[in-house]
Every structure is written in structure tokens, then in C-alpha cells.
């Protein structure tokens, strides 16, 4: 094997490596673009909101009259556990 063949093979392998890396990089750019496009679509349509986020915690009334029942239930559970 002479040096010209070796240089030819090295140049072809370098070109193939750069071409492969370029194709992968281009695909990754396209993938990021489409992921951002889908994220924008989801935000515009409101599909990222769950039902818990739509109903605020401030909208639900807090019951304060059941304190004695809660205390009794906790005391019973502790007594049963012993």
C-alpha cells in the first residue's frame, strides 16, 4: 500500500465523517424546530392546563365547622393504632 492510496482513503473517511455529522446535526435542528412548534401549539390551544390548574384553590370554600369531627377521628385512629 503506497502513501497515495493511504491519503486517498484518509480523505474519503474524513469526508464521510464530516458528511455524517452534518446530516445528524441537520436532523437535530429540524427536530428542535418541530418540538418548539408543537410546544407553541399546545400553549396556544391550552392543552397544557389540567383541571386542577383551571380551578383555583381560592375558589373552593374551606369548611371550618368540622374541626371537632377531625380531632375525634384522629384521636380514634391513634387509639386504635396502640
PDB file of N, CA and C in Angstrom:
ATOM      1  N   UNK A   1       0.864  -1.169   0.000  1.00  0.00           N
ATOM      2  CA  UNK A   1       0.000   0.000   0.000  1.00  0.00           C
ATOM      3  C   UNK A   1       0.908   1.228   0.000  1.00  0.00           C
ATOM      4  N   UNK A   2       0.689   2.083  -0.966  1.00  0.00           N
ATOM      5  CA  UNK A   2       1.534   3.278  -1.035  1.00  0.00           C
ATOM      6  C   UNK A   2       0.862   4.454  -0.333  1.00  0.00           C
ATOM      7  N   UNK A   3       1.584   5.540  -0.238  1.00  0.00           N
ATOM      8  CA  UNK A   3       1.094   6.693   0.518  1.00  0.00           C
ATOM      9  C   UNK A   3      -0.061   7.394  -0.180  1.00  0.00           C
ATOM     10  N   UNK A   4      -0.114   7.311  -1.522  1.00  0.00           N
ATOM     11  CA  UNK A   4      -1.227   7.962  -2.233  1.00  0.00           C
ATOM     12  C   UNK A   4      -2.547   7.271  -1.916  1.00  0.00           C
ATOM     13  N   UNK A   5      -2.543   5.955  -1.869  1.00  0.00           N
ATOM     14  CA  UNK A   5      -3.760   5.226  -1.513  1.00  0.00           C
ATOM     15  C   UNK A   5      -4.182   5.531  -0.071  1.00  0.00           C
ATOM     16  N   UNK A   6      -3.198   5.598   0.805  1.00  0.00           N
ATOM     17  CA  UNK A   6      -3.485   5.899   2.203  1.00  0.00           C
ATOM     18  C   UNK A   6      -4.069   7.300   2.362  1.00  0.00           C
ATOM     19  N   UNK A   7      -3.492   8.277   1.678  1.00  0.00           N
ATOM     20  CA  UNK A   7      -4.024   9.647   1.738  1.00  0.00           C
ATOM     21  C   UNK A   7      -5.417   9.721   1.128  1.00  0.00           C
ATOM     22  N   UNK A   8      -5.655   8.974   0.062  1.00  0.00           N
ATOM     23  CA  UNK A   8      -6.973   8.954  -0.579  1.00  0.00           C
ATOM     24  C   UNK A   8      -8.009   8.357   0.378  1.00  0.00           C
ATOM     25  N   UNK A   9      -7.657   7.267   1.036  1.00  0.00           N
ATOM     26  CA  UNK A   9      -8.584   6.648   1.986  1.00  0.00           C
ATOM     27  C   UNK A   9      -8.845   7.558   3.189  1.00  0.00           C
ATOM     28  N   UNK A  10      -7.814   8.213   3.677  1.00  0.00           N
ATOM     29  CA  UNK A  10      -7.992   9.131   4.802  1.00  0.00           C
ATOM     30  C   UNK A  10      -8.875  10.314   4.425  1.00  0.00           C
ATOM     31  N   UNK A  11      -8.705  10.840   3.234  1.00  0.00           N
ATOM     32  CA  UNK A  11      -9.537  11.971   2.813  1.00  0.00           C
ATOM     33  C   UNK A  11     -10.985  11.537   2.622  1.00  0.00           C
ATOM     34  N   UNK A  12     -11.197  10.335   2.081  1.00  0.00           N
ATOM     35  CA  UNK A  12     -12.562   9.837   1.914  1.00  0.00           C
ATOM     36  C   UNK A  12     -13.219   9.570   3.275  1.00  0.00           C
ATOM     37  N   UNK A  13     -12.454   9.010   4.197  1.00  0.00           N
ATOM     38  CA  UNK A  13     -13.028   8.741   5.518  1.00  0.00           C
ATOM     39  C   UNK A  13     -13.327  10.039   6.263  1.00  0.00           C
ATOM     40  N   UNK A  14     -12.479  11.042   6.108  1.00  0.00           N
ATOM     41  CA  UNK A  14     -12.741  12.342   6.723  1.00  0.00           C
ATOM     42  C   UNK A  14     -13.971  12.998   6.134  1.00  0.00           C
ATOM     43  N   UNK A  15     -14.118  12.915   4.808  1.00  0.00           N
ATOM     44  CA  UNK A  15     -15.294  13.482   4.142  1.00  0.00           C
ATOM     45  C   UNK A  15     -16.561  12.765   4.587  1.00  0.00           C
ATOM     46  N   UNK A  16     -16.492  11.438   4.677  1.00  0.00           N
ATOM     47  CA  UNK A  16     -17.648  10.663   5.115  1.00  0.00           C
ATOM     48  C   UNK A  16     -18.022  10.993   6.562  1.00  0.00           C
ATOM     49  N   UNK A  17     -17.028  11.182   7.412  1.00  0.00           N
ATOM     50  CA  UNK A  17     -17.280  11.535   8.810  1.00  0.00           C
ATOM     51  C   UNK A  17     -17.950  12.900   8.919  1.00  0.00           C
ATOM     52  N   UNK A  18     -17.423  13.878   8.206  1.00  0.00           N
ATOM     53  CA  UNK A  18     -17.998  15.228   8.244  1.00  0.00           C
ATOM     54  C   UNK A  18     -19.407  15.221   7.663  1.00  0.00           C
ATOM     55  N   UNK A  19     -19.626  14.468   6.588  1.00  0.00           N
ATOM     56  CA  UNK A  19     -20.950  14.390   5.976  1.00  0.00           C
ATOM     57  C   UNK A  19     -21.952  13.747   6.939  1.00  0.00           C
ATOM     58  N   UNK A  20     -21.557  12.664   7.599  1.00  0.00           N
ATOM     59  CA  UNK A  20     -22.448  12.008   8.560  1.00  0.00           C
ATOM     60  C   UNK A  20     -22.781  12.901   9.733  1.00  0.00           C
ATOM     61  N   UNK A  21     -21.787  13.592  10.257  1.00  0.00           N
ATOM     62  CA  UNK A  21     -22.038  14.502  11.377  1.00  0.00           C
ATOM     63  C   UNK A  21     -22.925  15.665  10.946  1.00  0.00           C
ATOM     64  N   UNK A  22     -22.751  16.133   9.734  1.00  0.00           N
ATOM     65  CA  UNK A  22     -23.595  17.215   9.221  1.00  0.00           C
ATOM     66  C   UNK A  22     -25.046  16.789   9.083  1.00  0.00           C
ATOM     67  N   UNK A  23     -25.262  15.560   8.603  1.00  0.00           N
ATOM     68  CA  UNK A  23     -26.631  15.058   8.460  1.00  0.00           C
ATOM     69  C   UNK A  23     -27.293  14.920   9.831  1.00  0.00           C
ATOM     70  N   UNK A  24     -26.570  14.390  10.809  1.00  0.00           N
ATOM     71  CA  UNK A  24     -27.124  14.250  12.161  1.00  0.00           C
ATOM     72  C   UNK A  24     -27.425  15.621  12.759  1.00  0.00           C
ATOM     73  N   UNK A  25     -26.533  16.574  12.579  1.00  0.00           N
ATOM     74  CA  UNK A  25     -26.742  17.923  13.106  1.00  0.00           C
ATOM     75  C   UNK A  25     -27.960  18.578  12.457  1.00  0.00           C
ATOM     76  N   UNK A  26     -28.112  18.404  11.142  1.00  0.00           N
ATOM     77  CA  UNK A  26     -29.279  18.969  10.450  1.00  0.00           C
ATOM     78  C   UNK A  26     -30.569  18.336  10.963  1.00  0.00           C
ATOM     79  N   UNK A  27     -30.556  17.021  11.177  1.00  0.00           N
ATOM     80  CA  UNK A  27     -31.736  16.355  11.710  1.00  0.00           C
ATOM     81  C   UNK A  27     -32.075  16.870  13.108  1.00  0.00           C
ATOM     82  N   UNK A  28     -31.065  17.087  13.938  1.00  0.00           N
ATOM     83  CA  UNK A  28     -31.315  17.606  15.285  1.00  0.00           C
ATOM     84  C   UNK A  28     -31.906  19.013  15.242  1.00  0.00           C
ATOM     85  N   UNK A  29     -31.453  19.830  14.309  1.00  0.00           N
ATOM     86  CA  UNK A  29     -32.015  21.178  14.162  1.00  0.00           C
ATOM     87  C   UNK A  29     -33.487  21.095  13.770  1.00  0.00           C
ATOM     88  N   UNK A  30     -33.807  20.215  12.818  1.00  0.00           N
ATOM     89  CA  UNK A  30     -35.203  20.042  12.395  1.00  0.00           C
ATOM     90  C   UNK A  30     -36.041  19.514  13.558  1.00  0.00           C
ATOM     91  N   UNK A  31     -35.497  18.591  14.330  1.00  0.00           N
ATOM     92  CA  UNK A  31     -36.212  18.029  15.470  1.00  0.00           C
ATOM     93  C   UNK A  31     -36.519  19.092  16.523  1.00  0.00           C
ATOM     94  N   UNK A  32     -35.559  19.936  16.834  1.00  0.00           N
ATOM     95  CA  UNK A  32     -35.773  21.019  17.804  1.00  0.00           C
ATOM     96  C   UNK A  32     -36.813  22.002  17.282  1.00  0.00           C
ATOM     97  N   UNK A  33     -36.771  22.307  15.995  1.00  0.00           N
ATOM     98  CA  UNK A  33     -37.747  23.221  15.398  1.00  0.00           C
ATOM     99  C   UNK A  33     -39.164  22.673  15.553  1.00  0.00           C
ATOM    100  N   UNK A  34     -39.360  21.391  15.239  1.00  0.00           N
ATOM    101  CA  UNK A  34     -40.698  20.816  15.343  1.00  0.00           C
ATOM    102  C   UNK A  34     -41.146  20.671  16.796  1.00  0.00           C
ATOM    103  N   UNK A  35     -40.225  20.405  17.707  1.00  0.00           N
ATOM    104  CA  UNK A  35     -40.604  20.336  19.119  1.00  0.00           C
ATOM    105  C   UNK A  35     -41.058  21.703  19.625  1.00  0.00           C
ATOM    106  N   UNK A  36     -40.377  22.756  19.220  1.00  0.00           N
ATOM    107  CA  UNK A  36     -40.800  24.106  19.607  1.00  0.00           C
ATOM    108  C   UNK A  36     -42.136  24.460  18.976  1.00  0.00           C
ATOM    109  N   UNK A  37     -42.364  24.005  17.752  1.00  0.00           N
ATOM    110  CA  UNK A  37     -43.631  24.254  17.071  1.00  0.00           C
ATOM    111  C   UNK A  37     -44.780  23.554  17.799  1.00  0.00           C
ATOM    112  N   UNK A  38     -44.564  22.317  18.216  1.00  0.00           N
ATOM    113  CA  UNK A  38     -45.595  21.583  18.957  1.00  0.00           C
ATOM    114  C   UNK A  38     -45.841  22.232  20.316  1.00  0.00           C
ATOM    115  N   UNK A  39     -44.786  22.679  20.988  1.00  0.00           N
ATOM    116  CA  UNK A  39     -44.949  23.348  22.282  1.00  0.00           C
ATOM    117  C   UNK A  39     -45.751  24.632  22.133  1.00  0.00           C
ATOM    118  N   UNK A  40     -45.499  25.378  21.082  1.00  0.00           N
ATOM    119  CA  UNK A  40     -46.255  26.602  20.829  1.00  0.00           C
ATOM    120  C   UNK A  40     -47.719  26.287  20.563  1.00  0.00           C
ATOM    121  N   UNK A  41     -47.986  25.234  19.791  1.00  0.00           N
ATOM    122  CA  UNK A  41     -49.358  24.822  19.504  1.00  0.00           C
ATOM    123  C   UNK A  41     -50.080  24.409  20.786  1.00  0.00           C
ATOM    124  N   UNK A  42     -49.397  23.678  21.656  1.00  0.00           N
ATOM    125  CA  UNK A  42     -50.012  23.222  22.902  1.00  0.00           C
ATOM    126  C   UNK A  42     -50.332  24.405  23.806  1.00  0.00           C
ATOM    127  N   UNK A  43     -49.444  25.379  23.873  1.00  0.00           N
ATOM    128  CA  UNK A  43     -49.705  26.558  24.708  1.00  0.00           C
ATOM    129  C   UNK A  43     -50.845  27.394  24.149  1.00  0.00           C
ATOM    130  N   UNK A  44     -50.909  27.527  22.822  1.00  0.00           N
ATOM    131  CA  UNK A  44     -51.972  28.344  22.216  1.00  0.00           C
ATOM    132  C   UNK A  44     -53.337  27.704  22.410  1.00  0.00           C
ATOM    133  N   UNK A  45     -53.414  26.370  22.333  1.00  0.00           N
ATOM    134  CA  UNK A  45     -54.702  25.702  22.461  1.00  0.00           C
ATOM    135  C   UNK A  45     -55.091  25.441  23.905  1.00  0.00           C
ATOM    136  N   UNK A  46     -54.166  25.611  24.844  1.00  0.00           N
ATOM    137  CA  UNK A  46     -54.478  25.405  26.252  1.00  0.00           C
ATOM    138  C   UNK A  46     -54.478  23.950  26.669  1.00  0.00           C
ATOM    139  N   UNK A  47     -53.863  23.090  25.886  1.00  0.00           N
ATOM    140  CA  UNK A  47     -53.829  21.673  26.226  1.00  0.00           C
ATOM    141  C   UNK A  47     -52.874  21.363  27.367  1.00  0.00           C
ATOM    142  N   UNK A  48     -52.041  22.313  27.759  1.00  0.00           N
ATOM    143  CA  UNK A  48     -51.099  22.078  28.845  1.00  0.00           C
ATOM    144  C   UNK A  48     -51.715  22.326  30.213  1.00  0.00           C
ATOM    145  N   UNK A  49     -52.937  22.824  30.247  1.00  0.00           N
ATOM    146  CA  UNK A  49     -53.610  23.091  31.515  1.00  0.00           C
ATOM    147  C   UNK A  49     -54.374  21.849  31.949  1.00  0.00           C
ATOM    148  N   UNK A  50     -54.230  21.467  33.210  1.00  0.00           N
ATOM    149  CA  UNK A  50     -55.020  20.371  33.749  1.00  0.00           C
ATOM    150  C   UNK A  50     -56.219  20.959  34.477  1.00  0.00           C
ATOM    151  N   UNK A  51     -57.129  20.110  34.864  1.00  0.00           N
ATOM    152  CA  UNK A  51     -58.337  20.583  35.537  1.00  0.00           C
ATOM    153  C   UNK A  51     -58.009  21.214  36.885  1.00  0.00           C
ATOM    154  N   UNK A  52     -56.972  20.713  37.565  1.00  0.00           N
ATOM    155  CA  UNK A  52     -56.617  21.287  38.858  1.00  0.00           C
ATOM    156  C   UNK A  52     -56.092  22.708  38.702  1.00  0.00           C
ATOM    157  N   UNK A  53     -55.371  22.960  37.607  1.00  0.00           N
ATOM    158  CA  UNK A  53     -54.834  24.300  37.393  1.00  0.00           C
ATOM    159  C   UNK A  53     -55.930  25.279  36.990  1.00  0.00           C
ATOM    160  N   UNK A  54     -56.948  24.777  36.294  1.00  0.00           N
ATOM    161  CA  UNK A  54     -58.025  25.659  35.857  1.00  0.00           C
ATOM    162  C   UNK A  54     -58.883  26.114  37.035  1.00  0.00           C
ATOM    163  N   UNK A  55     -59.076  25.245  38.019  1.00  0.00           N
ATOM    164  CA  UNK A  55     -59.847  25.587  39.211  1.00  0.00           C
ATOM    165  C   UNK A  55     -58.854  26.009  40.282  1.00  0.00           C
ATOM    166  N   UNK A  56     -58.938  27.240  40.673  1.00  0.00           N
ATOM    167  CA  UNK A  56     -58.002  27.761  41.663  1.00  0.00           C
ATOM    168  C   UNK A  56     -58.359  27.252  43.049  1.00  0.00           C
ATOM    169  N   UNK A  57     -57.369  27.166  43.893  1.00  0.00           N
ATOM    170  CA  UNK A  57     -57.606  26.716  45.264  1.00  0.00           C
ATOM    171  C   UNK A  57     -58.398  27.751  46.046  1.00  0.00           C
ATOM    172  N   UNK A  58     -58.323  28.986  45.646  1.00  0.00           N
ATOM    173  CA  UNK A  58     -59.067  30.042  46.336  1.00  0.00           C
ATOM    174  C   UNK A  58     -60.562  29.962  46.045  1.00  0.00           C
ATOM    175  N   UNK A  59     -60.934  29.288  44.955  1.00  0.00           N
ATOM    176  CA  UNK A  59     -62.339  29.188  44.588  1.00  0.00           C
ATOM    177  C   UNK A  59     -63.092  28.182  45.454  1.00  0.00           C
ATOM    178  N   UNK A  60     -62.389  27.250  46.070  1.00  0.00           N
ATOM    179  CA  UNK A  60     -63.059  26.237  46.870  1.00  0.00           C
ATOM    180  C   UNK A  60     -63.200  26.733  48.306  1.00  0.00           C
ATOM    181  N   UNK A  61     -64.399  26.652  48.861  1.00  0.00           N
ATOM    182  CA  UNK A  61     -64.590  27.128  50.234  1.00  0.00           C
ATOM    183  C   UNK A  61     -63.943  26.170  51.234  1.00  0.00           C
ATOM    184  N   UNK A  62     -63.495  26.719  52.334  1.00  0.00           N
ATOM    185  CA  UNK A  62     -62.862  25.935  53.389  1.00  0.00           C
ATOM    186  C   UNK A  62     -63.875  25.726  54.502  1.00  0.00           C
ATOM    187  N   UNK A  63     -64.070  24.479  54.892  1.00  0.00           N
ATOM    188  CA  UNK A  63     -65.004  24.168  55.976  1.00  0.00           C
ATOM    189  C   UNK A  63     -64.269  24.289  57.300  1.00  0.00           C
ATOM    190  N   UNK A  64     -64.807  25.096  58.190  1.00  0.00           N
ATOM    191  CA  UNK A  64     -64.169  25.272  59.495  1.00  0.00           C
ATOM    192  C   UNK A  64     -64.983  24.649  60.619  1.00  0.00           C
ATOM    193  N   UNK A  65     -66.209  24.247  60.361  1.00  0.00           N
ATOM    194  CA  UNK A  65     -67.077  23.714  61.404  1.00  0.00           C
ATOM    195  C   UNK A  65     -66.799  22.269  61.760  1.00  0.00           C
ATOM    196  N   UNK A  66     -65.996  21.558  60.985  1.00  0.00           N
ATOM    197  CA  UNK A  66     -65.765  20.136  61.204  1.00  0.00           C
ATOM    198  C   UNK A  66     -64.513  19.855  62.028  1.00  0.00           C
ATOM    199  N   UNK A  67     -64.002  20.819  62.740  1.00  0.00           N
ATOM    200  CA  UNK A  67     -62.767  20.633  63.499  1.00  0.00           C
ATOM    201  C   UNK A  67     -62.929  19.563  64.580  1.00  0.00           C
ATOM    202  N   UNK A  68     -64.055  19.561  65.272  1.00  0.00           N
ATOM    203  CA  UNK A  68     -64.266  18.579  66.336  1.00  0.00           C
ATOM    204  C   UNK A  68     -64.334  17.162  65.767  1.00  0.00           C
ATOM    205  N   UNK A  69     -64.956  17.004  64.611  1.00  0.00           N
ATOM    206  CA  UNK A  69     -65.037  15.682  63.983  1.00  0.00           C
ATOM    207  C   UNK A  69     -63.661  15.204  63.544  1.00  0.00           C
ATOM    208  N   UNK A  70     -62.854  16.113  63.027  1.00  0.00           N
ATOM    209  CA  UNK A  70     -61.499  15.759  62.593  1.00  0.00           C
ATOM    210  C   UNK A  70     -60.652  15.354  63.788  1.00  0.00           C
ATOM    211  N   UNK A  71     -60.755  16.110  64.869  1.00  0.00           N
ATOM    212  CA  UNK A  71     -60.000  15.791  66.083  1.00  0.00           C
ATOM    213  C   UNK A  71     -60.433  14.433  66.632  1.00  0.00           C
ATOM    214  N   UNK A  72     -61.729  14.164  66.617  1.00  0.00           N
ATOM    215  CA  UNK A  72     -62.229  12.880  67.110  1.00  0.00           C
ATOM    216  C   UNK A  72     -61.742  11.731  66.231  1.00  0.00           C
ATOM    217  N   UNK A  73     -61.720  11.924  64.935  1.00  0.00           N
ATOM    218  CA  UNK A  73     -61.252  10.874  64.025  1.00  0.00           C
ATOM    219  C   UNK A  73     -59.766  10.598  64.226  1.00  0.00           C
ATOM    220  N   UNK A  74     -58.980  11.643  64.415  1.00  0.00           N
ATOM    221  CA  UNK A  74     -57.543  11.465  64.652  1.00  0.00           C
ATOM    222  C   UNK A  74     -57.304  10.754  65.979  1.00  0.00           C
ATOM    223  N   UNK A  75     -58.042  11.167  67.008  1.00  0.00           N
ATOM    224  CA  UNK A  75     -57.886  10.533  68.325  1.00  0.00           C
ATOM    225  C   UNK A  75     -58.277   9.062  68.265  1.00  0.00           C
ATOM    226  N   UNK A  76     -59.338   8.733  67.555  1.00  0.00           N
ATOM    227  CA  UNK A  76     -59.760   7.339  67.413  1.00  0.00           C
ATOM    228  C   UNK A  76     -58.712   6.526  66.669  1.00  0.00           C
ATOM    229  N   UNK A  77     -58.154   7.094  65.618  1.00  0.00           N
ATOM    230  CA  UNK A  77     -57.126   6.386  64.844  1.00  0.00           C
ATOM    231  C   UNK A  77     -55.887   6.133  65.679  1.00  0.00           C
ATOM    232  N   UNK A  78     -55.502   7.107  66.494  1.00  0.00           N
ATOM    233  CA  UNK A  78     -54.333   6.928  67.359  1.00  0.00           C
ATOM    234  C   UNK A  78     -54.618   5.871  68.416  1.00  0.00           C
ATOM    235  N   UNK A  79     -55.837   5.900  68.967  1.00  0.00           N
ATOM    236  CA  UNK A  79     -56.202   4.929  69.996  1.00  0.00           C
ATOM    237  C   UNK A  79     -56.243   3.512  69.417  1.00  0.00           C
ATOM    238  N   UNK A  80     -56.755   3.348  68.208  1.00  0.00           N
ATOM    239  CA  UNK A  80     -56.827   2.038  67.558  1.00  0.00           C
ATOM    240  C   UNK A  80     -55.439   1.527  67.197  1.00  0.00           C
ATOM    241  N   UNK A  81     -54.527   2.423  66.894  1.00  0.00           N
ATOM    242  CA  UNK A  81     -53.171   2.046  66.487  1.00  0.00           C
ATOM    243  C   UNK A  81     -52.382   1.458  67.648  1.00  0.00           C
ATOM    244  N   UNK A  82     -52.680   1.903  68.880  1.00  0.00           N
ATOM    245  CA  UNK A  82     -51.937   1.445  70.070  1.00  0.00           C
ATOM    246  C   UNK A  82     -52.296   0.074  70.434  1.00  0.00           C
TER     247      UNK A  82
END
